[in-house]
Amino acid sequence: MSTLKEAKIGTVVTVKKLSGEGAVKRRIMDMGITKGTEIFVRKVAPLGDPIEVTVRGYELSLRKADAEMIETV
């Protein structure tokens, strides 16, 4: 199992599954991150938090904790 947190800069990954519960999972889905969505990893901050990605044509910054809940292929 690999997560968005482990993805390398410049790669495109596809969402396989969202883990998490309730409001946290709903918030991630509201950002447009759903099963089958392609995510391009743009940048990672020097200390690893946050991660900047492109999802559905817009730029988004995610915390490491949230990125860890997104399983990718």
N, C-alpha and C. Protein backbone atom coordinates (compact mmCIF):
# COMPACT_ATOMS: atom_id res chain seq x y z
N MET A 1 0.84 -1.18 0.00
CA MET A 1 0.00 0.00 0.00
C MET A 1 0.88 1.24 0.00
N SER A 2 0.66 2.13 -0.96
CA SER A 2 1.38 3.39 -0.96
C SER A 2 0.37 4.52 -0.78
N THR A 3 0.83 5.61 -0.21
CA THR A 3 -0.05 6.74 0.05
C THR A 3 0.46 7.97 -0.69
N LEU A 4 -0.36 8.99 -0.74
CA LEU A 4 0.03 10.24 -1.38
C LEU A 4 1.23 10.86 -0.67
N LYS A 5 1.34 10.64 0.61
CA LYS A 5 2.47 11.16 1.39
C LYS A 5 3.80 10.63 0.85
N GLU A 6 3.81 9.41 0.34
CA GLU A 6 5.04 8.76 -0.14
C GLU A 6 5.34 9.06 -1.60
N ALA A 7 4.43 9.70 -2.32
CA ALA A 7 4.62 9.97 -3.75
C ALA A 7 5.76 10.96 -3.97
N LYS A 8 6.50 10.76 -5.03
CA LYS A 8 7.64 11.62 -5.36
C LYS A 8 7.18 12.86 -6.12
N ILE A 9 7.95 13.93 -6.00
CA ILE A 9 7.67 15.18 -6.72
C ILE A 9 7.71 14.93 -8.22
N GLY A 10 6.73 15.46 -8.95
CA GLY A 10 6.68 15.33 -10.40
C GLY A 10 5.95 14.10 -10.89
N THR A 11 5.42 13.29 -10.00
CA THR A 11 4.71 12.09 -10.43
C THR A 11 3.20 12.32 -10.44
N VAL A 12 2.53 11.52 -11.25
CA VAL A 12 1.07 11.52 -11.28
C VAL A 12 0.61 10.20 -10.68
N VAL A 13 -0.24 10.28 -9.67
CA VAL A 13 -0.76 9.08 -9.02
C VAL A 13 -2.28 9.09 -9.14
N THR A 14 -2.87 7.90 -9.03
CA THR A 14 -4.32 7.75 -9.09
C THR A 14 -4.82 7.29 -7.73
N VAL A 15 -5.88 7.90 -7.26
CA VAL A 15 -6.45 7.55 -5.96
C VAL A 15 -7.09 6.17 -6.04
N LYS A 16 -6.67 5.30 -5.14
CA LYS A 16 -7.21 3.94 -5.08
C LYS A 16 -8.30 3.86 -4.02
N LYS A 17 -8.05 4.49 -2.86
CA LYS A 17 -8.98 4.38 -1.74
C LYS A 17 -8.74 5.52 -0.77
N LEU A 18 -9.79 5.98 -0.11
CA LEU A 18 -9.67 6.98 0.94
C LEU A 18 -9.93 6.28 2.27
N SER A 19 -8.97 6.38 3.17
CA SER A 19 -9.22 5.88 4.51
C SER A 19 -9.54 7.10 5.37
N GLY A 20 -9.93 6.88 6.57
CA GLY A 20 -10.34 8.00 7.42
C GLY A 20 -11.80 7.84 7.77
N GLU A 21 -12.24 8.66 8.69
CA GLU A 21 -13.61 8.53 9.18
C GLU A 21 -14.35 9.85 9.15
N GLY A 22 -15.62 9.80 8.94
CA GLY A 22 -16.53 10.91 9.09
C GLY A 22 -16.14 12.21 8.42
N ALA A 23 -16.00 13.26 9.23
CA ALA A 23 -15.77 14.61 8.74
C ALA A 23 -14.46 14.74 7.99
N VAL A 24 -13.43 14.03 8.41
CA VAL A 24 -12.13 14.10 7.74
C VAL A 24 -12.24 13.56 6.32
N LYS A 25 -12.84 12.41 6.17
CA LYS A 25 -13.02 11.80 4.85
C LYS A 25 -13.91 12.68 3.97
N ARG A 26 -14.96 13.24 4.53
CA ARG A 26 -15.88 14.11 3.79
C ARG A 26 -15.13 15.35 3.29
N ARG A 27 -14.26 15.93 4.13
CA ARG A 27 -13.50 17.13 3.75
C ARG A 27 -12.57 16.83 2.59
N ILE A 28 -11.91 15.68 2.61
CA ILE A 28 -11.01 15.29 1.52
C ILE A 28 -11.82 15.11 0.23
N MET A 29 -12.98 14.49 0.33
CA MET A 29 -13.82 14.29 -0.85
C MET A 29 -14.36 15.62 -1.37
N ASP A 30 -14.67 16.55 -0.49
CA ASP A 30 -15.15 17.87 -0.90
C ASP A 30 -14.09 18.65 -1.66
N MET A 31 -12.82 18.33 -1.44
CA MET A 31 -11.73 18.98 -2.17
C MET A 31 -11.57 18.41 -3.58
N GLY A 32 -12.35 17.39 -3.91
CA GLY A 32 -12.29 16.81 -5.25
C GLY A 32 -11.45 15.55 -5.33
N ILE A 33 -10.98 15.07 -4.20
CA ILE A 33 -10.16 13.86 -4.18
C ILE A 33 -11.07 12.67 -3.92
N THR A 34 -11.38 11.94 -4.99
CA THR A 34 -12.23 10.76 -4.90
C THR A 34 -11.55 9.60 -5.61
N LYS A 35 -12.09 8.41 -5.45
CA LYS A 35 -11.52 7.22 -6.07
C LYS A 35 -11.42 7.41 -7.58
N GLY A 36 -10.24 7.10 -8.14
CA GLY A 36 -10.02 7.20 -9.58
C GLY A 36 -9.48 8.55 -10.04
N THR A 37 -9.41 9.53 -9.16
CA THR A 37 -8.92 10.86 -9.52
C THR A 37 -7.40 10.84 -9.66
N GLU A 38 -6.89 11.51 -10.70
CA GLU A 38 -5.44 11.64 -10.88
C GLU A 38 -4.94 12.86 -10.13
N ILE A 39 -3.81 12.69 -9.44
CA ILE A 39 -3.21 13.77 -8.66
C ILE A 39 -1.76 13.94 -9.10
N PHE A 40 -1.37 15.17 -9.44
CA PHE A 40 0.00 15.48 -9.81
C PHE A 40 0.67 16.13 -8.60
N VAL A 41 1.79 15.55 -8.16
CA VAL A 41 2.52 16.07 -7.00
C VAL A 41 3.46 17.17 -7.47
N ARG A 42 3.18 18.41 -7.10
CA ARG A 42 3.94 19.57 -7.57
C ARG A 42 5.15 19.87 -6.69
N LYS A 43 4.93 20.01 -5.38
CA LYS A 43 6.00 20.39 -4.46
C LYS A 43 5.77 19.77 -3.10
N VAL A 44 6.87 19.65 -2.36
CA VAL A 44 6.78 19.25 -0.97
C VAL A 44 7.62 20.25 -0.18
N ALA A 45 7.06 20.77 0.88
CA ALA A 45 7.77 21.75 1.70
C ALA A 45 9.05 21.13 2.27
N PRO A 46 10.04 21.96 2.61
CA PRO A 46 11.33 21.44 3.10
C PRO A 46 11.21 20.44 4.25
N LEU A 47 10.28 20.65 5.15
CA LEU A 47 10.11 19.71 6.26
C LEU A 47 9.04 18.67 5.98
N GLY A 48 8.54 18.65 4.73
CA GLY A 48 7.58 17.63 4.33
C GLY A 48 6.12 17.98 4.54
N ASP A 49 5.85 19.13 5.13
CA ASP A 49 4.47 19.50 5.41
C ASP A 49 4.25 20.96 5.09
N PRO A 50 3.41 21.36 4.19
CA PRO A 50 2.42 20.59 3.44
C PRO A 50 2.94 20.08 2.10
N ILE A 51 2.09 19.35 1.42
CA ILE A 51 2.37 18.83 0.08
C ILE A 51 1.47 19.59 -0.89
N GLU A 52 2.05 20.12 -1.96
CA GLU A 52 1.25 20.85 -2.94
C GLU A 52 0.99 19.95 -4.14
N VAL A 53 -0.29 19.81 -4.50
CA VAL A 53 -0.70 18.93 -5.58
C VAL A 53 -1.64 19.66 -6.53
N THR A 54 -1.81 19.09 -7.74
CA THR A 54 -2.81 19.58 -8.68
C THR A 54 -3.87 18.50 -8.82
N VAL A 55 -5.12 18.88 -8.55
CA VAL A 55 -6.25 17.96 -8.61
C VAL A 55 -7.35 18.60 -9.43
N ARG A 56 -7.81 17.91 -10.47
CA ARG A 56 -8.93 18.39 -11.30
C ARG A 56 -8.72 19.83 -11.79
N GLY A 57 -7.47 20.17 -12.11
CA GLY A 57 -7.19 21.48 -12.69
C GLY A 57 -6.94 22.60 -11.71
N TYR A 58 -6.92 22.33 -10.42
CA TYR A 58 -6.60 23.39 -9.47
C TYR A 58 -5.53 22.92 -8.49
N GLU A 59 -4.85 23.90 -7.88
CA GLU A 59 -3.76 23.59 -6.96
C GLU A 59 -4.30 23.51 -5.54
N LEU A 60 -3.75 22.56 -4.79
CA LEU A 60 -4.24 22.28 -3.46
C LEU A 60 -3.06 21.94 -2.56
N SER A 61 -3.08 22.40 -1.33
CA SER A 61 -2.06 22.04 -0.36
C SER A 61 -2.69 21.13 0.68
N LEU A 62 -2.01 20.03 0.96
CA LEU A 62 -2.51 19.04 1.92
C LEU A 62 -1.51 18.83 3.04
N ARG A 63 -2.02 18.63 4.24
CA ARG A 63 -1.14 18.27 5.36
C ARG A 63 -0.70 16.82 5.19
N LYS A 64 0.44 16.49 5.80
CA LYS A 64 0.93 15.10 5.72
C LYS A 64 -0.09 14.13 6.28
N ALA A 65 -0.76 14.51 7.35
CA ALA A 65 -1.75 13.63 7.98
C ALA A 65 -2.89 13.31 7.01
N ASP A 66 -3.32 14.31 6.24
CA ASP A 66 -4.39 14.07 5.26
C ASP A 66 -3.86 13.25 4.07
N ALA A 67 -2.65 13.55 3.61
CA ALA A 67 -2.06 12.82 2.49
C ALA A 67 -1.85 11.35 2.83
N GLU A 68 -1.63 11.07 4.09
CA GLU A 68 -1.42 9.69 4.53
C GLU A 68 -2.71 8.86 4.43
N MET A 69 -3.85 9.51 4.43
CA MET A 69 -5.14 8.82 4.35
C MET A 69 -5.55 8.50 2.91
N ILE A 70 -4.76 8.96 1.93
CA ILE A 70 -5.12 8.78 0.53
C ILE A 70 -4.22 7.69 -0.07
N GLU A 71 -4.79 6.49 -0.28
CA GLU A 71 -4.04 5.39 -0.89
C GLU A 71 -4.00 5.57 -2.39
N THR A 72 -2.82 5.35 -2.98
CA THR A 72 -2.66 5.59 -4.42
C THR A 72 -2.10 4.38 -5.13
N VAL A 73 -2.21 4.43 -6.45
CA VAL A 73 -1.65 3.39 -7.32
C VAL A 73 -0.47 3.97 -8.03
